[in-house]
PDB file of N, CA and C in Angstrom:
ATOM      1  N   UNK A   1     -14.217  -8.331   8.151  1.00  0.00           N
ATOM      2  CA  UNK A   1     -13.574  -7.121   8.597  1.00  0.00           C
ATOM      3  C   UNK A   1     -12.322  -6.898   7.749  1.00  0.00           C
ATOM      4  N   UNK A   2     -12.228  -5.804   6.997  1.00  0.00           N
ATOM      5  CA  UNK A   2     -11.078  -5.520   6.154  1.00  0.00           C
ATOM      6  C   UNK A   2     -10.121  -4.570   6.823  1.00  0.00           C
ATOM      7  N   UNK A   3      -8.976  -4.421   6.200  1.00  0.00           N
ATOM      8  CA  UNK A   3      -7.993  -3.491   6.752  1.00  0.00           C
ATOM      9  C   UNK A   3      -8.296  -2.073   6.286  1.00  0.00           C
ATOM     10  N   UNK A   4      -7.944  -1.103   7.074  1.00  0.00           N
ATOM     11  CA  UNK A   4      -8.137   0.306   6.764  1.00  0.00           C
ATOM     12  C   UNK A   4      -6.949   0.760   5.921  1.00  0.00           C
ATOM     13  N   UNK A   5      -7.180   1.243   4.704  1.00  0.00           N
ATOM     14  CA  UNK A   5      -6.069   1.603   3.817  1.00  0.00           C
ATOM     15  C   UNK A   5      -5.261   2.806   4.290  1.00  0.00           C
ATOM     16  N   UNK A   6      -5.754   3.560   5.264  1.00  0.00           N
ATOM     17  CA  UNK A   6      -5.026   4.721   5.761  1.00  0.00           C
ATOM     18  C   UNK A   6      -4.390   4.464   7.127  1.00  0.00           C
ATOM     19  N   UNK A   7      -4.394   3.213   7.575  1.00  0.00           N
ATOM     20  CA  UNK A   7      -3.793   2.871   8.869  1.00  0.00           C
ATOM     21  C   UNK A   7      -2.848   1.698   8.653  1.00  0.00           C
ATOM     22  N   UNK A   8      -1.722   1.756   9.337  1.00  0.00           N
ATOM     23  CA  UNK A   8      -0.683   0.750   9.166  1.00  0.00           C
ATOM     24  C   UNK A   8      -0.181   0.297  10.530  1.00  0.00           C
ATOM     25  N   UNK A   9       0.177  -0.966  10.610  1.00  0.00           N
ATOM     26  CA  UNK A   9       0.829  -1.459  11.807  1.00  0.00           C
ATOM     27  C   UNK A   9       2.325  -1.317  11.591  1.00  0.00           C
ATOM     28  N   UNK A  10       2.962  -0.517  12.421  1.00  0.00           N
ATOM     29  CA  UNK A  10       4.405  -0.310  12.350  1.00  0.00           C
ATOM     30  C   UNK A  10       5.069  -1.151  13.418  1.00  0.00           C
ATOM     31  N   UNK A  11       6.073  -1.944  13.020  1.00  0.00           N
ATOM     32  CA  UNK A  11       6.914  -2.677  13.968  1.00  0.00           C
ATOM     33  C   UNK A  11       8.355  -2.391  13.571  1.00  0.00           C
ATOM     34  N   UNK A  12       9.086  -1.765  14.474  1.00  0.00           N
ATOM     35  CA  UNK A  12      10.475  -1.397  14.203  1.00  0.00           C
ATOM     36  C   UNK A  12      11.325  -2.657  14.048  1.00  0.00           C
ATOM     37  N   UNK A  13      12.085  -2.731  12.972  1.00  0.00           N
ATOM     38  CA  UNK A  13      12.935  -3.901  12.748  1.00  0.00           C
ATOM     39  C   UNK A  13      14.149  -3.908  13.672  1.00  0.00           C
ATOM     40  N   UNK A  14      14.405  -2.782  14.328  1.00  0.00           N
ATOM     41  CA  UNK A  14      15.548  -2.700  15.238  1.00  0.00           C
ATOM     42  C   UNK A  14      15.153  -3.007  16.685  1.00  0.00           C
ATOM     43  N   UNK A  15      14.185  -2.273  17.235  1.00  0.00           N
ATOM     44  CA  UNK A  15      13.819  -2.458  18.647  1.00  0.00           C
ATOM     45  C   UNK A  15      12.566  -3.316  18.851  1.00  0.00           C
ATOM     46  N   UNK A  16      11.852  -3.624  17.772  1.00  0.00           N
ATOM     47  CA  UNK A  16      10.659  -4.485  17.781  1.00  0.00           C
ATOM     48  C   UNK A  16       9.452  -3.864  18.468  1.00  0.00           C
ATOM     49  N   UNK A  17       9.507  -2.576  18.804  1.00  0.00           N
ATOM     50  CA  UNK A  17       8.328  -1.890  19.339  1.00  0.00           C
ATOM     51  C   UNK A  17       7.339  -1.694  18.198  1.00  0.00           C
ATOM     52  N   UNK A  18       6.042  -1.648  18.518  1.00  0.00           N
ATOM     53  CA  UNK A  18       5.037  -1.507  17.487  1.00  0.00           C
ATOM     54  C   UNK A  18       3.920  -0.568  17.878  1.00  0.00           C
ATOM     55  N   UNK A  19       3.279  -0.012  16.853  1.00  0.00           N
ATOM     56  CA  UNK A  19       2.167   0.907  17.058  1.00  0.00           C
ATOM     57  C   UNK A  19       1.392   1.002  15.747  1.00  0.00           C
ATOM     58  N   UNK A  20       0.104   1.295  15.833  1.00  0.00           N
ATOM     59  CA  UNK A  20      -0.719   1.521  14.640  1.00  0.00           C
ATOM     60  C   UNK A  20      -0.677   3.017  14.334  1.00  0.00           C
ATOM     61  N   UNK A  21      -0.396   3.353  13.069  1.00  0.00           N
ATOM     62  CA  UNK A  21      -0.255   4.749  12.663  1.00  0.00           C
ATOM     63  C   UNK A  21      -1.082   5.026  11.414  1.00  0.00           C
ATOM     64  N   UNK A  22      -1.331   6.318  11.158  1.00  0.00           N
ATOM     65  CA  UNK A  22      -1.986   6.694   9.906  1.00  0.00           C
ATOM     66  C   UNK A  22      -0.920   7.061   8.879  1.00  0.00           C
ATOM     67  N   UNK A  23      -1.330   7.429   7.679  1.00  0.00           N
ATOM     68  CA  UNK A  23      -0.379   7.691   6.597  1.00  0.00           C
ATOM     69  C   UNK A  23       0.506   8.906   6.871  1.00  0.00           C
ATOM     70  N   UNK A  24      -0.002   9.888   7.599  1.00  0.00           N
ATOM     71  CA  UNK A  24       0.822  11.059   7.925  1.00  0.00           C
ATOM     72  C   UNK A  24       1.949  10.687   8.889  1.00  0.00           C
ATOM     73  N   UNK A  25       1.647   9.888   9.886  1.00  0.00           N
ATOM     74  CA  UNK A  25       2.672   9.450  10.830  1.00  0.00           C
ATOM     75  C   UNK A  25       3.643   8.488  10.137  1.00  0.00           C
ATOM     76  N   UNK A  26       3.147   7.667   9.237  1.00  0.00           N
ATOM     77  CA  UNK A  26       4.020   6.769   8.475  1.00  0.00           C
ATOM     78  C   UNK A  26       5.081   7.584   7.733  1.00  0.00           C
ATOM     79  N   UNK A  27       4.669   8.654   7.074  1.00  0.00           N
ATOM     80  CA  UNK A  27       5.608   9.507   6.341  1.00  0.00           C
ATOM     81  C   UNK A  27       6.644  10.117   7.282  1.00  0.00           C
ATOM     82  N   UNK A  28       6.213  10.538   8.471  1.00  0.00           N
ATOM     83  CA  UNK A  28       7.142  11.107   9.455  1.00  0.00           C
ATOM     84  C   UNK A  28       8.154  10.059   9.921  1.00  0.00           C
ATOM     85  N   UNK A  29       7.681   8.847  10.188  1.00  0.00           N
ATOM     86  CA  UNK A  29       8.585   7.784  10.622  1.00  0.00           C
ATOM     87  C   UNK A  29       9.605   7.454   9.545  1.00  0.00           C
ATOM     88  N   UNK A  30       9.168   7.414   8.298  1.00  0.00           N
ATOM     89  CA  UNK A  30      10.084   7.121   7.198  1.00  0.00           C
ATOM     90  C   UNK A  30      11.151   8.204   7.072  1.00  0.00           C
ATOM     91  N   UNK A  31      10.791   9.440   7.372  1.00  0.00           N
ATOM     92  CA  UNK A  31      11.736  10.540   7.254  1.00  0.00           C
ATOM     93  C   UNK A  31      12.616  10.753   8.469  1.00  0.00           C
ATOM     94  N   UNK A  32      12.097  10.428   9.651  1.00  0.00           N
ATOM     95  CA  UNK A  32      12.818  10.755  10.888  1.00  0.00           C
ATOM     96  C   UNK A  32      13.349   9.558  11.651  1.00  0.00           C
ATOM     97  N   UNK A  33      12.807   8.377  11.397  1.00  0.00           N
ATOM     98  CA  UNK A  33      13.247   7.189  12.115  1.00  0.00           C
ATOM     99  C   UNK A  33      12.248   6.777  13.185  1.00  0.00           C
ATOM    100  N   UNK A  34      12.531   5.663  13.802  1.00  0.00           N
ATOM    101  CA  UNK A  34      11.658   5.085  14.825  1.00  0.00           C
ATOM    102  C   UNK A  34      11.473   6.045  15.990  1.00  0.00           C
ATOM    103  N   UNK A  35      10.248   6.214  16.430  1.00  0.00           N
ATOM    104  CA  UNK A  35       9.986   7.114  17.544  1.00  0.00           C
ATOM    105  C   UNK A  35      10.438   6.533  18.875  1.00  0.00           C
ATOM    106  N   UNK A  36      10.725   5.241  18.917  1.00  0.00           N
ATOM    107  CA  UNK A  36      11.178   4.602  20.148  1.00  0.00           C
ATOM    108  C   UNK A  36      12.706   4.580  20.261  1.00  0.00           C
ATOM    109  N   UNK A  37      13.398   4.213  19.148  1.00  0.00           N
ATOM    110  CA  UNK A  37      14.854   4.034  19.226  1.00  0.00           C
ATOM    111  C   UNK A  37      15.635   4.870  18.216  1.00  0.00           C
ATOM    112  N   UNK A  38      14.940   5.598  17.342  1.00  0.00           N
ATOM    113  CA  UNK A  38      15.525   6.488  16.329  1.00  0.00           C
ATOM    114  C   UNK A  38      16.225   5.752  15.190  1.00  0.00           C
ATOM    115  N   UNK A  39      16.106   4.410  15.110  1.00  0.00           N
ATOM    116  CA  UNK A  39      16.692   3.658  13.999  1.00  0.00           C
ATOM    117  C   UNK A  39      15.976   4.024  12.700  1.00  0.00           C
ATOM    118  N   UNK A  40      16.663   3.827  11.577  1.00  0.00           N
ATOM    119  CA  UNK A  40      16.049   4.069  10.280  1.00  0.00           C
ATOM    120  C   UNK A  40      14.826   3.169  10.105  1.00  0.00           C
ATOM    121  N   UNK A  41      13.822   3.691   9.426  1.00  0.00           N
ATOM    122  CA  UNK A  41      12.572   2.985   9.184  1.00  0.00           C
ATOM    123  C   UNK A  41      12.429   2.755   7.681  1.00  0.00           C
ATOM    124  N   UNK A  42      11.955   1.572   7.303  1.00  0.00           N
ATOM    125  CA  UNK A  42      11.757   1.218   5.901  1.00  0.00           C
ATOM    126  C   UNK A  42      10.283   0.906   5.646  1.00  0.00           C
ATOM    127  N   UNK A  43       9.889   0.963   4.391  1.00  0.00           N
ATOM    128  CA  UNK A  43       8.513   0.615   4.003  1.00  0.00           C
ATOM    129  C   UNK A  43       8.133  -0.777   4.500  1.00  0.00           C
ATOM    130  N   UNK A  44       9.093  -1.675   4.569  1.00  0.00           N
ATOM    131  CA  UNK A  44       8.827  -3.061   4.986  1.00  0.00           C
ATOM    132  C   UNK A  44       8.495  -3.167   6.473  1.00  0.00           C
ATOM    133  N   UNK A  45       8.698  -2.086   7.236  1.00  0.00           N
ATOM    134  CA  UNK A  45       8.351  -2.088   8.656  1.00  0.00           C
ATOM    135  C   UNK A  45       6.867  -1.825   8.897  1.00  0.00           C
ATOM    136  N   UNK A  46       6.110  -1.607   7.820  1.00  0.00           N
ATOM    137  CA  UNK A  46       4.680  -1.307   7.913  1.00  0.00           C
ATOM    138  C   UNK A  46       3.882  -2.438   7.280  1.00  0.00           C
ATOM    139  N   UNK A  47       2.773  -2.775   7.909  1.00  0.00           N
ATOM    140  CA  UNK A  47       1.883  -3.782   7.369  1.00  0.00           C
ATOM    141  C   UNK A  47       0.440  -3.369   7.552  1.00  0.00           C
ATOM    142  N   UNK A  48      -0.464  -4.127   6.959  1.00  0.00           N
ATOM    143  CA  UNK A  48      -1.882  -3.801   7.100  1.00  0.00           C
ATOM    144  C   UNK A  48      -2.377  -4.034   8.522  1.00  0.00           C
ATOM    145  N   UNK A  49      -3.378  -3.272   8.914  1.00  0.00           N
ATOM    146  CA  UNK A  49      -4.013  -3.452  10.218  1.00  0.00           C
ATOM    147  C   UNK A  49      -5.176  -4.427  10.017  1.00  0.00           C
ATOM    148  N   UNK A  50      -5.204  -5.476  10.818  1.00  0.00           N
ATOM    149  CA  UNK A  50      -6.291  -6.472  10.687  1.00  0.00           C
ATOM    150  C   UNK A  50      -7.486  -6.111  11.518  1.00  0.00           C
TER     151      UNK A  50
END
């Protein structure tokens, strides 16, 4: 079972909440911040979905 290249596991480095997102939502999070706590989001907050 491989990872889906258009889906990412997001875990906020500030509040530690997590969710699986697609590339469109990833772009929104990078631009607007965490949807849970509004902290800044970095590329390193995203990983592959297993």
